[in-house]
C-alpha cells in the first residue's frame, strides 16, 4: 500500500510517501498501527487526532473505515483556519 504524507507531516518524516505491505482490505486503524511500527521514532505523529487521514481525497474520521486495493491513502496534520 502506498501512503502519502502532506505538509508538516511530510517534513517531519522526511518523505512524501512510503510503501507498507498490508493484507487488504484493511481498516484505517490497521494502517495507522502499521505506520507507527514503520516510523517508531515518530510514532506520536500518527496517533488518532494528531494526524488526519483521507481516503480517495475524502477526510475520514472513522478508524473502522475499510481501505481496499487501489484506494489512495493520505495523512496530514490538522488544519487550522482563520
N, C-alpha and C. Protein backbone atom coordinates (compact mmCIF):
# COMPACT_ATOMS: atom_id res chain seq x y z
N UNK A 1 0.85 -1.17 0.00
CA UNK A 1 0.00 0.00 0.00
C UNK A 1 0.90 1.23 0.00
N UNK A 2 0.63 2.14 -0.90
CA UNK A 2 1.36 3.39 -0.97
C UNK A 2 0.60 4.44 -0.14
N UNK A 3 1.29 5.08 0.78
CA UNK A 3 0.68 6.07 1.66
C UNK A 3 1.37 7.40 1.44
N UNK A 4 0.58 8.45 1.27
CA UNK A 4 1.10 9.79 1.00
C UNK A 4 1.10 10.62 2.29
N UNK A 5 2.09 11.51 2.40
CA UNK A 5 2.18 12.43 3.54
C UNK A 5 2.23 13.86 3.02
N UNK A 6 1.55 14.77 3.72
CA UNK A 6 1.47 16.15 3.27
C UNK A 6 1.85 17.13 4.37
N UNK A 7 2.25 18.32 3.93
CA UNK A 7 2.52 19.48 4.80
C UNK A 7 3.59 19.16 5.83
N UNK A 8 3.40 19.63 7.05
CA UNK A 8 4.40 19.48 8.11
C UNK A 8 4.68 18.01 8.41
N UNK A 9 3.71 17.15 8.23
CA UNK A 9 3.92 15.73 8.47
C UNK A 9 4.98 15.18 7.51
N UNK A 10 4.91 15.58 6.26
CA UNK A 10 5.91 15.17 5.28
C UNK A 10 7.29 15.67 5.69
N UNK A 11 7.37 16.91 6.14
CA UNK A 11 8.65 17.48 6.57
C UNK A 11 9.22 16.75 7.79
N UNK A 12 8.37 16.42 8.75
CA UNK A 12 8.82 15.75 9.96
C UNK A 12 9.30 14.33 9.68
N UNK A 13 8.67 13.66 8.71
CA UNK A 13 9.05 12.30 8.36
C UNK A 13 10.22 12.26 7.38
N UNK A 14 10.41 13.34 6.66
CA UNK A 14 11.49 13.38 5.67
C UNK A 14 11.17 12.63 4.39
N UNK A 15 9.88 12.37 4.14
CA UNK A 15 9.48 11.70 2.90
C UNK A 15 8.05 12.08 2.56
N UNK A 16 7.72 12.00 1.29
CA UNK A 16 6.39 12.34 0.83
C UNK A 16 5.46 11.14 0.75
N UNK A 17 6.05 9.94 0.81
CA UNK A 17 5.24 8.73 0.73
C UNK A 17 6.04 7.54 1.24
N UNK A 18 5.34 6.45 1.52
CA UNK A 18 6.00 5.20 1.87
C UNK A 18 5.12 4.05 1.42
N UNK A 19 5.74 2.90 1.25
CA UNK A 19 5.02 1.68 0.89
C UNK A 19 5.05 0.74 2.08
N UNK A 20 3.89 0.24 2.45
CA UNK A 20 3.78 -0.70 3.56
C UNK A 20 2.98 -1.90 3.05
N UNK A 21 3.49 -3.09 3.32
CA UNK A 21 2.79 -4.31 2.92
C UNK A 21 1.73 -4.65 3.96
N UNK A 22 0.48 -4.59 3.54
CA UNK A 22 -0.65 -4.94 4.41
C UNK A 22 -1.63 -5.78 3.61
N UNK A 23 -2.22 -6.79 4.25
CA UNK A 23 -3.29 -7.51 3.55
C UNK A 23 -4.51 -6.61 3.43
N UNK A 24 -5.09 -6.58 2.25
CA UNK A 24 -6.26 -5.74 2.01
C UNK A 24 -7.49 -6.61 1.80
N UNK A 25 -8.65 -6.16 2.19
CA UNK A 25 -8.92 -4.85 2.78
C UNK A 25 -8.38 -4.74 4.20
N UNK A 26 -8.12 -3.49 4.61
CA UNK A 26 -7.62 -3.20 5.96
C UNK A 26 -8.35 -1.98 6.49
N UNK A 27 -8.47 -1.90 7.80
CA UNK A 27 -9.11 -0.73 8.40
C UNK A 27 -8.11 0.41 8.50
N UNK A 28 -8.63 1.61 8.63
CA UNK A 28 -7.76 2.76 8.85
C UNK A 28 -6.94 2.57 10.11
N UNK A 29 -7.52 2.00 11.15
CA UNK A 29 -6.79 1.74 12.40
C UNK A 29 -5.60 0.81 12.15
N UNK A 30 -5.76 -0.17 11.28
CA UNK A 30 -4.68 -1.09 10.95
C UNK A 30 -3.56 -0.36 10.22
N UNK A 31 -3.93 0.51 9.31
CA UNK A 31 -2.93 1.30 8.57
C UNK A 31 -2.18 2.22 9.54
N UNK A 32 -2.91 2.86 10.42
CA UNK A 32 -2.29 3.76 11.41
C UNK A 32 -1.31 2.98 12.29
N UNK A 33 -1.69 1.78 12.73
CA UNK A 33 -0.82 0.94 13.56
C UNK A 33 0.44 0.53 12.78
N UNK A 34 0.28 0.22 11.49
CA UNK A 34 1.42 -0.15 10.66
C UNK A 34 2.39 1.03 10.51
N UNK A 35 1.85 2.24 10.39
CA UNK A 35 2.71 3.42 10.28
C UNK A 35 3.47 3.66 11.57
N UNK A 36 2.84 3.41 12.69
CA UNK A 36 3.51 3.56 13.99
C UNK A 36 4.68 2.59 14.08
N UNK A 37 4.51 1.37 13.58
CA UNK A 37 5.60 0.39 13.58
C UNK A 37 6.67 0.77 12.56
N UNK A 38 6.27 1.30 11.42
CA UNK A 38 7.21 1.66 10.35
C UNK A 38 8.06 2.88 10.74
N UNK A 39 7.48 3.81 11.48
CA UNK A 39 8.17 5.03 11.91
C UNK A 39 8.19 5.09 13.44
N UNK A 40 8.89 4.18 14.11
CA UNK A 40 8.83 4.14 15.59
C UNK A 40 9.32 5.42 16.25
N UNK A 41 10.28 6.11 15.66
CA UNK A 41 10.80 7.34 16.26
C UNK A 41 9.80 8.49 16.15
N UNK A 42 8.88 8.40 15.21
CA UNK A 42 7.87 9.44 15.02
C UNK A 42 6.46 8.89 15.26
N UNK A 43 6.35 7.84 16.05
CA UNK A 43 5.05 7.18 16.27
C UNK A 43 3.99 8.15 16.76
N UNK A 44 4.37 9.12 17.56
CA UNK A 44 3.39 10.06 18.11
C UNK A 44 2.72 10.89 17.01
N UNK A 45 3.33 10.98 15.84
CA UNK A 45 2.74 11.75 14.74
C UNK A 45 1.47 11.10 14.19
N UNK A 46 1.33 9.79 14.40
CA UNK A 46 0.22 9.06 13.80
C UNK A 46 -0.92 8.75 14.76
N UNK A 47 -0.81 9.20 15.99
CA UNK A 47 -1.88 8.98 16.95
C UNK A 47 -3.16 9.63 16.42
N UNK A 48 -4.27 8.92 16.61
CA UNK A 48 -5.55 9.46 16.13
C UNK A 48 -5.78 10.84 16.73
N UNK A 49 -6.17 11.78 15.90
CA UNK A 49 -6.37 13.16 16.32
C UNK A 49 -5.14 14.02 16.09
N UNK A 50 -3.99 13.40 15.95
CA UNK A 50 -2.76 14.13 15.69
C UNK A 50 -2.46 14.20 14.19
N UNK A 51 -2.85 13.15 13.47
CA UNK A 51 -2.70 13.12 12.01
C UNK A 51 -4.06 12.79 11.42
N UNK A 52 -4.51 13.63 10.53
CA UNK A 52 -5.77 13.39 9.84
C UNK A 52 -5.53 12.42 8.68
N UNK A 53 -6.55 11.67 8.34
CA UNK A 53 -6.44 10.70 7.26
C UNK A 53 -7.48 11.00 6.19
N UNK A 54 -7.08 10.77 4.95
CA UNK A 54 -8.01 10.89 3.82
C UNK A 54 -7.89 9.63 2.98
N UNK A 55 -9.02 9.13 2.54
CA UNK A 55 -9.06 8.01 1.62
C UNK A 55 -9.76 8.50 0.37
N UNK A 56 -9.05 8.37 -0.74
CA UNK A 56 -9.58 8.86 -2.03
C UNK A 56 -10.01 10.32 -1.92
N UNK A 57 -9.18 11.10 -1.26
CA UNK A 57 -9.33 12.55 -1.09
C UNK A 57 -10.56 12.95 -0.29
N UNK A 58 -11.03 12.04 0.58
CA UNK A 58 -12.14 12.34 1.48
C UNK A 58 -11.67 12.15 2.91
N UNK A 59 -11.82 13.18 3.73
CA UNK A 59 -11.41 13.11 5.12
C UNK A 59 -12.18 12.01 5.83
N UNK A 60 -11.47 11.17 6.58
CA UNK A 60 -12.07 10.03 7.26
C UNK A 60 -11.84 10.17 8.77
N UNK A 61 -12.92 10.07 9.53
CA UNK A 61 -12.82 10.14 10.99
C UNK A 61 -13.05 8.79 11.65
N UNK A 62 -13.63 7.84 10.92
CA UNK A 62 -13.95 6.53 11.47
C UNK A 62 -12.77 5.58 11.26
N UNK A 63 -12.15 5.17 12.36
CA UNK A 63 -10.98 4.29 12.28
C UNK A 63 -11.33 2.90 11.75
N UNK A 64 -12.61 2.55 11.68
CA UNK A 64 -13.04 1.26 11.16
C UNK A 64 -13.29 1.29 9.66
N UNK A 65 -13.09 2.44 9.03
CA UNK A 65 -13.27 2.57 7.59
C UNK A 65 -12.35 1.58 6.87
N UNK A 66 -12.89 0.90 5.90
CA UNK A 66 -12.13 -0.12 5.17
C UNK A 66 -11.42 0.49 3.98
N UNK A 67 -10.16 0.12 3.84
CA UNK A 67 -9.34 0.56 2.71
C UNK A 67 -9.14 -0.64 1.80
N UNK A 68 -9.43 -0.45 0.53
CA UNK A 68 -9.33 -1.52 -0.46
C UNK A 68 -8.15 -1.28 -1.39
N UNK A 69 -7.81 -2.29 -2.13
CA UNK A 69 -6.76 -2.17 -3.14
C UNK A 69 -7.12 -1.05 -4.11
N UNK A 70 -6.16 -0.21 -4.42
CA UNK A 70 -6.38 0.88 -5.35
C UNK A 70 -6.82 2.18 -4.70
N UNK A 71 -7.16 2.15 -3.41
CA UNK A 71 -7.54 3.37 -2.72
C UNK A 71 -6.31 4.24 -2.46
N UNK A 72 -6.49 5.55 -2.58
CA UNK A 72 -5.43 6.49 -2.24
C UNK A 72 -5.56 6.81 -0.75
N UNK A 73 -4.48 6.63 -0.01
CA UNK A 73 -4.47 6.89 1.43
C UNK A 73 -3.46 8.00 1.69
N UNK A 74 -3.89 9.01 2.43
CA UNK A 74 -3.01 10.14 2.72
C UNK A 74 -3.18 10.56 4.18
N UNK A 75 -2.09 11.04 4.77
CA UNK A 75 -2.11 11.57 6.12
C UNK A 75 -1.55 12.99 6.10
N UNK A 76 -2.12 13.84 6.94
CA UNK A 76 -1.64 15.21 7.03
C UNK A 76 -1.97 15.75 8.42
N UNK A 77 -1.27 16.80 8.83
CA UNK A 77 -1.52 17.36 10.16
C UNK A 77 -2.86 18.09 10.20
N UNK A 78 -3.42 18.26 11.39
CA UNK A 78 -4.67 19.03 11.49
C UNK A 78 -4.50 20.41 10.87
N UNK A 79 -5.56 20.87 10.24
CA UNK A 79 -5.55 22.16 9.54
C UNK A 79 -6.30 23.17 10.38
N UNK A 80 -5.71 24.34 10.51
CA UNK A 80 -6.40 25.42 11.19
C UNK A 80 -6.66 26.53 10.20
N UNK A 81 -7.68 27.24 10.43
CA UNK A 81 -8.03 28.35 9.54
C UNK A 81 -8.27 29.61 10.33
N UNK A 82 -8.44 30.68 9.62
CA UNK A 82 -8.62 31.91 10.35
C UNK A 82 -9.39 32.93 9.60
